[in-house]
C-alpha atoms as a PDB file:
ATOM      1  CA  MET A   1       0.000   0.000   0.000  1.00  0.00           C
ATOM      2  CA  ILE A   2       1.089   3.542  -0.674  1.00  0.00           C
ATOM      3  CA  SER A   3       1.619   5.506   2.537  1.00  0.00           C
ATOM      4  CA  GLU A   4       1.541   9.175   3.499  1.00  0.00           C
ATOM      5  CA  LEU A   5       4.598  11.087   2.254  1.00  0.00           C
ATOM      6  CA  GLY A   6       5.210   8.361  -0.330  1.00  0.00           C
ATOM      7  CA  ARG A   7       5.961   9.387  -3.891  1.00  0.00           C
ATOM      8  CA  VAL A   8       3.516   8.333  -6.564  1.00  0.00           C
ATOM      9  CA  ILE A   9       3.272   8.628 -10.329  1.00  0.00           C
ATOM     10  CA  LEU A  10       0.112   9.823 -12.025  1.00  0.00           C
ATOM     11  CA  THR A  11      -1.228   7.238 -14.495  1.00  0.00           C
ATOM     12  CA  THR A  12      -3.662   9.473 -16.361  1.00  0.00           C
ATOM     13  CA  ASP A  13      -3.778  12.983 -17.790  1.00  0.00           C
ATOM     14  CA  MET A  14      -5.690  15.544 -15.725  1.00  0.00           C
ATOM     15  CA  PRO A  15      -5.915  18.595 -18.001  1.00  0.00           C
ATOM     16  CA  ASN A  16      -8.190  20.491 -15.586  1.00  0.00           C
ATOM     17  CA  TYR A  17      -5.245  20.594 -13.159  1.00  0.00           C
ATOM     18  CA  GLY A  18      -2.456  20.922 -15.750  1.00  0.00           C
ATOM     19  CA  LEU A  19      -1.192  17.437 -14.853  1.00  0.00           C
ATOM     20  CA  GLU A  20      -0.007  14.721 -17.217  1.00  0.00           C
ATOM     21  CA  ASN A  21       0.496  10.980 -17.063  1.00  0.00           C
ATOM     22  CA  GLY A  22       3.923  10.432 -15.488  1.00  0.00           C
ATOM     23  CA  ASP A  23       3.923  13.489 -13.211  1.00  0.00           C
ATOM     24  CA  ILE A  24       5.355  12.723  -9.766  1.00  0.00           C
ATOM     25  CA  GLY A  25       3.545  13.732  -6.592  1.00  0.00           C
ATOM     26  CA  THR A  26       3.660  13.184  -2.841  1.00  0.00           C
ATOM     27  CA  VAL A  27       0.806  11.601  -0.917  1.00  0.00           C
ATOM     28  CA  VAL A  28      -0.344  13.953   1.839  1.00  0.00           C
ATOM     29  CA  LEU A  29      -3.384  11.939   2.935  1.00  0.00           C
ATOM     30  CA  VAL A  30      -4.550   8.350   2.475  1.00  0.00           C
ATOM     31  CA  HIS A  31      -8.325   7.899   2.100  1.00  0.00           C
ATOM     32  CA  GLU A  32     -10.170   4.799   3.347  1.00  0.00           C
ATOM     33  CA  GLY A  33      -7.155   2.527   3.715  1.00  0.00           C
ATOM     34  CA  GLY A  34      -5.800   3.190   0.226  1.00  0.00           C
ATOM     35  CA  LYS A  35      -8.964   3.558  -1.866  1.00  0.00           C
ATOM     36  CA  GLY A  36      -7.802   7.064  -2.699  1.00  0.00           C
ATOM     37  CA  TYR A  37      -5.144   9.646  -2.008  1.00  0.00           C
ATOM     38  CA  GLU A  38      -4.684  13.373  -1.627  1.00  0.00           C
ATOM     39  CA  VAL A  39      -1.571  14.099  -3.697  1.00  0.00           C
ATOM     40  CA  GLU A  40       0.513  17.264  -3.880  1.00  0.00           C
ATOM     41  CA  PHE A  41       2.396  18.071  -7.077  1.00  0.00           C
ATOM     42  CA  VAL A  42       5.199  20.625  -6.799  1.00  0.00           C
ATOM     43  CA  THR A  43       7.576  22.401  -9.160  1.00  0.00           C
ATOM     44  CA  LEU A  44      11.305  21.708  -8.948  1.00  0.00           C
ATOM     45  CA  SER A  45      11.667  24.931  -6.927  1.00  0.00           C
ATOM     46  CA  GLY A  46       9.239  23.549  -4.308  1.00  0.00           C
ATOM     47  CA  GLU A  47       6.168  25.618  -5.217  1.00  0.00           C
ATOM     48  CA  THR A  48       2.876  23.757  -4.935  1.00  0.00           C
ATOM     49  CA  PHE A  49       1.361  23.358  -8.390  1.00  0.00           C
ATOM     50  CA  ALA A  50      -1.727  21.270  -7.517  1.00  0.00           C
ATOM     51  CA  ILE A  51      -3.245  19.258  -4.703  1.00  0.00           C
ATOM     52  CA  VAL A  52      -5.640  16.667  -6.072  1.00  0.00           C
ATOM     53  CA  SER A  53      -7.845  13.899  -4.664  1.00  0.00           C
ATOM     54  CA  LEU A  54      -7.227  10.749  -6.692  1.00  0.00           C
ATOM     55  CA  PHE A  55      -8.553   7.210  -6.802  1.00  0.00           C
ATOM     56  CA  ALA A  56      -6.002   4.459  -6.235  1.00  0.00           C
ATOM     57  CA  GLU A  57      -6.277   3.523  -9.926  1.00  0.00           C
ATOM     58  CA  GLN A  58      -5.004   6.971 -10.941  1.00  0.00           C
ATOM     59  CA  VAL A  59      -1.585   6.606  -9.312  1.00  0.00           C
ATOM     60  CA  ARG A  60       1.104   3.991  -8.895  1.00  0.00           C
ATOM     61  CA  SER A  61       4.154   3.560  -6.708  1.00  0.00           C
ATOM     62  CA  THR A  62       7.571   4.562  -7.959  1.00  0.00           C
ATOM     63  CA  SER A  63      10.181   1.987  -8.921  1.00  0.00           C
ATOM     64  CA  THR A  64      13.931   1.968  -8.355  1.00  0.00           C
ATOM     65  CA  ARG A  65      14.436   1.513 -12.122  1.00  0.00           C
ATOM     66  CA  GLU A  66      12.830   4.833 -13.119  1.00  0.00           C
ATOM     67  CA  ILE A  67      14.268   8.260 -13.855  1.00  0.00           C
ATOM     68  CA  ALA A  68      12.488  11.606 -13.414  1.00  0.00           C
ATOM     69  CA  HIS A  69      11.736  13.816 -16.419  1.00  0.00           C
ATOM     70  CA  ALA A  70      11.141  17.592 -16.297  1.00  0.00           C
ATOM     71  CA  ARG A  71       8.631  19.559 -18.360  1.00  0.00           C
ATOM     72  CA  ILE A  72       7.467  23.167 -18.490  1.00  0.00           C
ATOM     73  CA  ILE A  73       4.006  23.748 -16.999  1.00  0.00           C
ATOM     74  CA  SER A  74       1.506  26.232 -18.324  1.00  0.00           C
ATOM     75  CA  SER A  75       0.385  29.030 -16.003  1.00  0.00           C
END
């Protein structure tokens, strides 16, 4: 199970929030034993970009065999 302060990867685009599949976030709250999560997405400078409630199916755990990728966000 994904725990609070764990890093997760978004598995779907969320254009209403400016988020894309593959964006990395931090779980700030676990809902109902892992049925959902409150996830914070931040810029590389540490500024909060979005905090979103997500179903468990919309995120996955990170793997040790992955590398981060940066992209420019729209304002």
